Amino acid sequence: MGGDWHGVIEAVRNQGQDIWRALTPDARRRIVRQLRPFWDVHRFRGAPQIDAILDAKLKDGSLTLNRARLGSVVSDASGLVVELCDPRARTIETRRFDRLIVAVGPTHRDILASQCFLAELAQAGRLALDPTELGLQTSRDGSAIGADGIADPSLLIAGPLARGTFGELMGLPQVSDYAEFIATRVAAALSRTGRREGAAA
């Protein structure tokens, strides 16, 4: 009692992989569809220095915050005409800007089309999109799962693209732990290869 929501979110984040593992595929898809925007906004706190700059800009009016989705964007001689759609209020506001920066991060459902080598691996059946559309199908040992549903131990998925299997993999603690897990698997594979080569010699 007496705490704020930051501690609750931190506890959920620390237990996120265990919680995610216990969910059914349908429950995972519902969370991604309905709760992901709230989680993405609240899971990490900003640095105090950044918060201070943002607070100052909000107070002097040089920064405003709007809850909206991006609608149409049209370029004309004077800049960009942008539609900001608020589905809750059912309003569309048209604003004019000099520049537009899209900083939402990678669209993981499009990851296979984003890189030539990933597209080629997918075409060969060695990679497949995770059912939650958070990244690539990955086994619990970090191996890529191909279109045939079989894990390939020679192809490991490192980083946030394994989120569909492991849950939260965006924060530094989770990314570091998972990187160590994958590095341990790579080291073990190299050790086995070295032993085989030594035996062959």
C-alpha atoms as a PDB file:
ATOM      1  CA  MET A   1       0.000   0.000   0.000  1.00  0.00           C
ATOM      2  CA  GLY A   2       1.047   3.585  -0.542  1.00  0.00           C
ATOM      3  CA  GLY A   3       3.090   2.883  -3.698  1.00  0.00           C
ATOM      4  CA  ASP A   4       2.399   4.054  -7.222  1.00  0.00           C
ATOM      5  CA  TRP A   5       1.921   2.266 -10.523  1.00  0.00           C
ATOM      6  CA  HIS A   6       5.644   2.286 -11.380  1.00  0.00           C
ATOM      7  CA  GLY A   7       6.385  -0.517  -8.920  1.00  0.00           C
ATOM      8  CA  VAL A   8       3.500  -2.601 -10.230  1.00  0.00           C
ATOM      9  CA  ILE A   9       4.652  -2.273 -13.840  1.00  0.00           C
ATOM     10  CA  GLU A  10       8.225  -3.109 -12.846  1.00  0.00           C
ATOM     11  CA  ALA A  11       7.054  -6.264 -11.046  1.00  0.00           C
ATOM     12  CA  VAL A  12       4.973  -7.320 -14.072  1.00  0.00           C
ATOM     13  CA  ARG A  13       7.950  -6.678 -16.346  1.00  0.00           C
ATOM     14  CA  ASN A  14      10.244  -8.784 -14.148  1.00  0.00           C
ATOM     15  CA  GLN A  15       7.722 -11.641 -14.185  1.00  0.00           C
ATOM     16  CA  GLY A  16       6.637 -11.024 -17.765  1.00  0.00           C
ATOM     17  CA  GLN A  17       8.207 -14.099 -19.324  1.00  0.00           C
ATOM     18  CA  ASP A  18       6.684 -16.442 -16.733  1.00  0.00           C
ATOM     19  CA  ILE A  19       3.269 -14.828 -17.175  1.00  0.00           C
ATOM     20  CA  TRP A  20       3.542 -14.964 -20.981  1.00  0.00           C
ATOM     21  CA  ARG A  21       4.589 -18.622 -20.928  1.00  0.00           C
ATOM     22  CA  ALA A  22       1.466 -19.536 -18.935  1.00  0.00           C
ATOM     23  CA  LEU A  23      -0.935 -17.905 -21.422  1.00  0.00           C
ATOM     24  CA  THR A  24      -2.738 -19.709 -24.230  1.00  0.00           C
ATOM     25  CA  PRO A  25      -2.056 -18.562 -27.823  1.00  0.00           C
ATOM     26  CA  ASP A  26      -5.508 -16.920 -27.947  1.00  0.00           C
ATOM     27  CA  ALA A  27      -4.830 -15.013 -24.727  1.00  0.00           C
ATOM     28  CA  ARG A  28      -1.494 -13.825 -26.097  1.00  0.00           C
ATOM     29  CA  ARG A  29      -3.150 -12.540 -29.271  1.00  0.00           C
ATOM     30  CA  ARG A  30      -5.805 -10.694 -27.222  1.00  0.00           C
ATOM     31  CA  ILE A  31      -3.131  -9.024 -25.118  1.00  0.00           C
ATOM     32  CA  VAL A  32      -1.215  -7.923 -28.207  1.00  0.00           C
ATOM     33  CA  ARG A  33      -4.390  -6.626 -29.846  1.00  0.00           C
ATOM     34  CA  GLN A  34      -5.943  -4.858 -26.856  1.00  0.00           C
ATOM     35  CA  LEU A  35      -3.256  -4.083 -24.258  1.00  0.00           C
ATOM     36  CA  ARG A  36       0.007  -3.681 -26.156  1.00  0.00           C
ATOM     37  CA  PRO A  37      -0.366   0.114 -26.726  1.00  0.00           C
ATOM     38  CA  PHE A  38      -0.780   0.669 -22.970  1.00  0.00           C
ATOM     39  CA  TRP A  39       2.124  -1.651 -22.135  1.00  0.00           C
ATOM     40  CA  ASP A  40       4.426   0.009 -24.671  1.00  0.00           C
ATOM     41  CA  VAL A  41       3.758   3.407 -23.099  1.00  0.00           C
ATOM     42  CA  HIS A  42       4.082   2.416 -19.443  1.00  0.00           C
ATOM     43  CA  ARG A  43       6.635  -0.401 -19.252  1.00  0.00           C
ATOM     44  CA  PHE A  44       9.704   1.880 -18.913  1.00  0.00           C
ATOM     45  CA  ARG A  45      10.289   5.160 -17.164  1.00  0.00           C
ATOM     46  CA  GLY A  46      12.122   7.926 -18.977  1.00  0.00           C
ATOM     47  CA  ALA A  47      15.394   9.299 -17.694  1.00  0.00           C
ATOM     48  CA  PRO A  48      14.926  12.232 -15.257  1.00  0.00           C
ATOM     49  CA  GLN A  49      16.937  14.524 -17.552  1.00  0.00           C
ATOM     50  CA  ILE A  50      14.601  13.826 -20.485  1.00  0.00           C
ATOM     51  CA  ASP A  51      11.523  14.280 -18.289  1.00  0.00           C
ATOM     52  CA  ALA A  52      12.828  17.676 -17.148  1.00  0.00           C
ATOM     53  CA  ILE A  53      13.309  18.846 -20.762  1.00  0.00           C
ATOM     54  CA  LEU A  54       9.842  17.634 -21.782  1.00  0.00           C
ATOM     55  CA  ASP A  55       8.210  19.290 -18.745  1.00  0.00           C
ATOM     56  CA  ALA A  56       9.923  22.593 -19.558  1.00  0.00           C
ATOM     57  CA  LYS A  57       8.789  22.457 -23.185  1.00  0.00           C
ATOM     58  CA  LEU A  58       5.226  21.608 -22.196  1.00  0.00           C
ATOM     59  CA  LYS A  59       5.174  24.598 -19.832  1.00  0.00           C
ATOM     60  CA  ASP A  60       6.565  27.085 -22.363  1.00  0.00           C
ATOM     61  CA  GLY A  61       4.226  25.810 -25.088  1.00  0.00           C
ATOM     62  CA  SER A  62       6.930  24.655 -27.512  1.00  0.00           C
ATOM     63  CA  LEU A  63       5.675  21.057 -27.157  1.00  0.00           C
ATOM     64  CA  THR A  64       2.144  19.695 -27.156  1.00  0.00           C
ATOM     65  CA  LEU A  65       0.967  16.127 -26.689  1.00  0.00           C
ATOM     66  CA  ASN A  66      -1.964  14.748 -28.685  1.00  0.00           C
ATOM     67  CA  ARG A  67      -3.592  11.344 -28.460  1.00  0.00           C
ATOM     68  CA  ALA A  68      -4.255  10.358 -32.047  1.00  0.00           C
ATOM     69  CA  ARG A  69      -3.540   7.978 -34.876  1.00  0.00           C
ATOM     70  CA  LEU A  70      -1.923   9.136 -38.052  1.00  0.00           C
ATOM     71  CA  GLY A  71      -4.393   9.498 -40.902  1.00  0.00           C
ATOM     72  CA  SER A  72      -3.570  10.861 -44.338  1.00  0.00           C
ATOM     73  CA  VAL A  73      -0.407  12.835 -45.019  1.00  0.00           C
ATOM     74  CA  VAL A  74      -0.283  15.172 -48.020  1.00  0.00           C
ATOM     75  CA  SER A  75       2.734  17.186 -49.109  1.00  0.00           C
ATOM     76  CA  ASP A  76       2.265  20.630 -50.633  1.00  0.00           C
ATOM     77  CA  ALA A  77       4.396  23.708 -51.239  1.00  0.00           C
ATOM     78  CA  SER A  78       4.129  24.876 -47.627  1.00  0.00           C
ATOM     79  CA  GLY A  79       4.873  21.555 -45.900  1.00  0.00           C
ATOM     80  CA  LEU A  80       2.860  18.552 -44.758  1.00  0.00           C
ATOM     81  CA  VAL A  81      -0.882  18.443 -44.174  1.00  0.00           C
ATOM     82  CA  VAL A  82      -1.531  15.706 -41.613  1.00  0.00           C
ATOM     83  CA  GLU A  83      -4.755  14.170 -40.347  1.00  0.00           C
ATOM     84  CA  LEU A  84      -4.724  13.249 -36.648  1.00  0.00           C
ATOM     85  CA  CYS A  85      -7.523  10.792 -35.879  1.00  0.00           C
ATOM     86  CA  ASP A  86      -8.777  10.239 -32.329  1.00  0.00           C
ATOM     87  CA  PRO A  87     -10.959   7.105 -32.466  1.00  0.00           C
ATOM     88  CA  ARG A  88     -12.187   7.547 -28.885  1.00  0.00           C
ATOM     89  CA  ALA A  89     -13.472  11.060 -29.460  1.00  0.00           C
ATOM     90  CA  ARG A  90     -14.347  10.164 -33.062  1.00  0.00           C
ATOM     91  CA  THR A  91     -12.660  13.298 -34.321  1.00  0.00           C
ATOM     92  CA  ILE A  92     -10.223  14.068 -37.130  1.00  0.00           C
ATOM     93  CA  GLU A  93      -8.034  17.139 -36.798  1.00  0.00           C
ATOM     94  CA  THR A  94      -6.033  18.496 -39.722  1.00  0.00           C
ATOM     95  CA  ARG A  95      -2.682  20.053 -38.819  1.00  0.00           C
ATOM     96  CA  ARG A  96       0.204  21.486 -40.832  1.00  0.00           C
ATOM     97  CA  PHE A  97       3.827  20.553 -40.085  1.00  0.00           C
ATOM     98  CA  ASP A  98       7.259  21.206 -41.573  1.00  0.00           C
ATOM     99  CA  ARG A  99       8.481  17.695 -40.784  1.00  0.00           C
ATOM    100  CA  LEU A 100       7.073  14.336 -39.761  1.00  0.00           C
ATOM    101  CA  ILE A 101       9.149  11.804 -37.820  1.00  0.00           C
ATOM    102  CA  VAL A 102       7.755   8.297 -37.392  1.00  0.00           C
ATOM    103  CA  ALA A 103       9.358   6.821 -34.259  1.00  0.00           C
ATOM    104  CA  VAL A 104       7.147   3.843 -33.433  1.00  0.00           C
ATOM    105  CA  GLY A 105       9.907   1.253 -33.794  1.00  0.00           C
ATOM    106  CA  PRO A 106       9.891  -1.775 -36.079  1.00  0.00           C
ATOM    107  CA  THR A 107       6.663  -3.261 -37.370  1.00  0.00           C
ATOM    108  CA  HIS A 108       7.394  -6.829 -36.381  1.00  0.00           C
ATOM    109  CA  ARG A 109       4.585  -8.310 -38.447  1.00  0.00           C
ATOM    110  CA  ASP A 110       6.403  -7.037 -41.558  1.00  0.00           C
ATOM    111  CA  ILE A 111       9.868  -8.150 -40.448  1.00  0.00           C
ATOM    112  CA  LEU A 112      10.210 -10.903 -43.064  1.00  0.00           C
ATOM    113  CA  ALA A 113       9.739  -8.400 -45.886  1.00  0.00           C
ATOM    114  CA  SER A 114      12.012  -5.776 -44.330  1.00  0.00           C
ATOM    115  CA  GLN A 115      15.359  -7.495 -44.970  1.00  0.00           C
ATOM    116  CA  CYS A 116      16.428  -9.437 -48.058  1.00  0.00           C
ATOM    117  CA  PHE A 117      18.176 -12.194 -46.108  1.00  0.00           C
ATOM    118  CA  LEU A 118      15.117 -12.722 -43.888  1.00  0.00           C
ATOM    119  CA  ALA A 119      12.852 -12.852 -46.932  1.00  0.00           C
ATOM    120  CA  GLU A 120      15.131 -15.444 -48.537  1.00  0.00           C
ATOM    121  CA  LEU A 121      15.157 -17.589 -45.389  1.00  0.00           C
ATOM    122  CA  ALA A 122      11.357 -17.354 -45.214  1.00  0.00           C
ATOM    123  CA  GLN A 123      11.017 -18.323 -48.884  1.00  0.00           C
ATOM    124  CA  ALA A 124      13.228 -21.335 -48.165  1.00  0.00           C
ATOM    125  CA  GLY A 125      10.838 -22.292 -45.345  1.00  0.00           C
ATOM    126  CA  ARG A 126      13.398 -21.751 -42.598  1.00  0.00           C
ATOM    127  CA  LEU A 127      11.651 -18.765 -40.918  1.00  0.00           C
ATOM    128  CA  ALA A 128       7.998 -18.059 -40.159  1.00  0.00           C
ATOM    129  CA  LEU A 129       6.110 -15.211 -38.521  1.00  0.00           C
ATOM    130  CA  ASP A 130       5.025 -15.802 -34.931  1.00  0.00           C
ATOM    131  CA  PRO A 131       1.227 -16.210 -34.531  1.00  0.00           C
ATOM    132  CA  THR A 132       1.103 -13.146 -32.260  1.00  0.00           C
ATOM    133  CA  GLU A 133       2.869 -11.099 -34.983  1.00  0.00           C
ATOM    134  CA  LEU A 134       5.485  -9.908 -32.495  1.00  0.00           C
ATOM    135  CA  GLY A 135       8.379 -11.399 -34.438  1.00  0.00           C
ATOM    136  CA  LEU A 136       9.578 -14.797 -35.617  1.00  0.00           C
ATOM    137  CA  GLN A 137       8.491 -18.265 -34.529  1.00  0.00           C
ATOM    138  CA  THR A 138      11.046 -19.400 -31.969  1.00  0.00           C
ATOM    139  CA  SER A 139      11.375 -22.501 -29.820  1.00  0.00           C
ATOM    140  CA  ARG A 140      11.977 -22.339 -26.060  1.00  0.00           C
ATOM    141  CA  ASP A 141      15.678 -22.987 -26.709  1.00  0.00           C
ATOM    142  CA  GLY A 142      15.940 -19.994 -29.067  1.00  0.00           C
ATOM    143  CA  SER A 143      15.927 -21.943 -32.347  1.00  0.00           C
ATOM    144  CA  ALA A 144      14.036 -20.649 -35.366  1.00  0.00           C
ATOM    145  CA  ILE A 145      10.903 -22.617 -36.222  1.00  0.00           C
ATOM    146  CA  GLY A 146      10.374 -22.971 -39.950  1.00  0.00           C
ATOM    147  CA  ALA A 147       7.227 -23.173 -42.041  1.00  0.00           C
ATOM    148  CA  ASP A 148       7.107 -26.928 -41.360  1.00  0.00           C
ATOM    149  CA  GLY A 149       6.851 -26.305 -37.610  1.00  0.00           C
ATOM    150  CA  ILE A 150      10.239 -27.894 -36.909  1.00  0.00           C
ATOM    151  CA  ALA A 151      12.909 -26.069 -34.886  1.00  0.00           C
ATOM    152  CA  ASP A 152      16.294 -25.585 -36.547  1.00  0.00           C
ATOM    153  CA  PRO A 153      19.084 -25.636 -33.919  1.00  0.00           C
ATOM    154  CA  SER A 154      21.541 -24.154 -36.432  1.00  0.00           C
ATOM    155  CA  LEU A 155      19.492 -20.948 -36.740  1.00  0.00           C
ATOM    156  CA  LEU A 156      18.996 -18.943 -33.534  1.00  0.00           C
ATOM    157  CA  ILE A 157      16.709 -15.955 -33.018  1.00  0.00           C
ATOM    158  CA  ALA A 158      18.368 -13.319 -30.840  1.00  0.00           C
ATOM    159  CA  GLY A 159      16.725 -10.222 -29.401  1.00  0.00           C
ATOM    160  CA  PRO A 160      13.164  -8.840 -29.488  1.00  0.00           C
ATOM    161  CA  LEU A 161      12.139 -10.899 -32.538  1.00  0.00           C
ATOM    162  CA  ALA A 162      11.743 -13.848 -30.133  1.00  0.00           C
ATOM    163  CA  ARG A 163       9.103 -11.989 -28.098  1.00  0.00           C
ATOM    164  CA  GLY A 164       6.243 -14.126 -29.366  1.00  0.00           C
ATOM    165  CA  THR A 165       7.725 -17.074 -27.446  1.00  0.00           C
ATOM    166  CA  PHE A 166       9.474 -15.393 -24.528  1.00  0.00           C
ATOM    167  CA  GLY A 167       7.315 -12.340 -23.836  1.00  0.00           C
ATOM    168  CA  GLU A 168       9.000  -9.132 -22.743  1.00  0.00           C
ATOM    169  CA  LEU A 169      12.335  -8.755 -24.548  1.00  0.00           C
ATOM    170  CA  MET A 170      12.575  -4.994 -24.973  1.00  0.00           C
ATOM    171  CA  GLY A 171      14.026  -3.815 -21.648  1.00  0.00           C
ATOM    172  CA  LEU A 172      17.755  -3.874 -21.021  1.00  0.00           C
ATOM    173  CA  PRO A 173      17.593  -6.526 -18.242  1.00  0.00           C
ATOM    174  CA  GLN A 174      15.512  -8.883 -20.376  1.00  0.00           C
ATOM    175  CA  VAL A 175      17.571  -8.255 -23.523  1.00  0.00           C
ATOM    176  CA  SER A 176      20.810  -8.885 -21.573  1.00  0.00           C
ATOM    177  CA  ASP A 177      19.520 -12.108 -20.006  1.00  0.00           C
ATOM    178  CA  TYR A 178      18.313 -13.417 -23.353  1.00  0.00           C
ATOM    179  CA  ALA A 179      21.571 -12.460 -25.089  1.00  0.00           C
ATOM    180  CA  GLU A 180      23.477 -14.424 -22.436  1.00  0.00           C
ATOM    181  CA  PHE A 181      21.130 -17.379 -22.977  1.00  0.00           C
ATOM    182  CA  ILE A 182      21.754 -17.339 -26.753  1.00  0.00           C
ATOM    183  CA  ALA A 183      25.512 -16.849 -26.270  1.00  0.00           C
ATOM    184  CA  THR A 184      25.579 -19.928 -24.018  1.00  0.00           C
ATOM    185  CA  ARG A 185      23.879 -21.948 -26.759  1.00  0.00           C
ATOM    186  CA  VAL A 186      26.342 -20.695 -29.387  1.00  0.00           C
ATOM    187  CA  ALA A 187      29.318 -21.501 -27.121  1.00  0.00           C
ATOM    188  CA  ALA A 188      27.984 -25.018 -26.531  1.00  0.00           C
ATOM    189  CA  ALA A 189      27.516 -25.582 -30.286  1.00  0.00           C
ATOM    190  CA  LEU A 190      31.056 -24.352 -31.012  1.00  0.00           C
ATOM    191  CA  SER A 191      32.420 -26.607 -28.287  1.00  0.00           C
ATOM    192  CA  ARG A 192      30.669 -29.646 -29.821  1.00  0.00           C
ATOM    193  CA  THR A 193      32.026 -28.724 -33.262  1.00  0.00           C
ATOM    194  CA  GLY A 194      35.540 -28.434 -31.845  1.00  0.00           C
ATOM    195  CA  ARG A 195      35.310 -31.838 -30.200  1.00  0.00           C
ATOM    196  CA  ARG A 196      34.087 -33.442 -33.445  1.00  0.00           C
ATOM    197  CA  GLU A 197      36.910 -31.858 -35.440  1.00  0.00           C
ATOM    198  CA  GLY A 198      39.445 -32.997 -32.846  1.00  0.00           C
ATOM    199  CA  ALA A 199      38.120 -36.538 -32.986  1.00  0.00           C
ATOM    200  CA  ALA A 200      38.217 -36.536 -36.804  1.00  0.00           C
ATOM    201  CA  ALA A 201      41.842 -35.389 -36.808  1.00  0.00           C
END
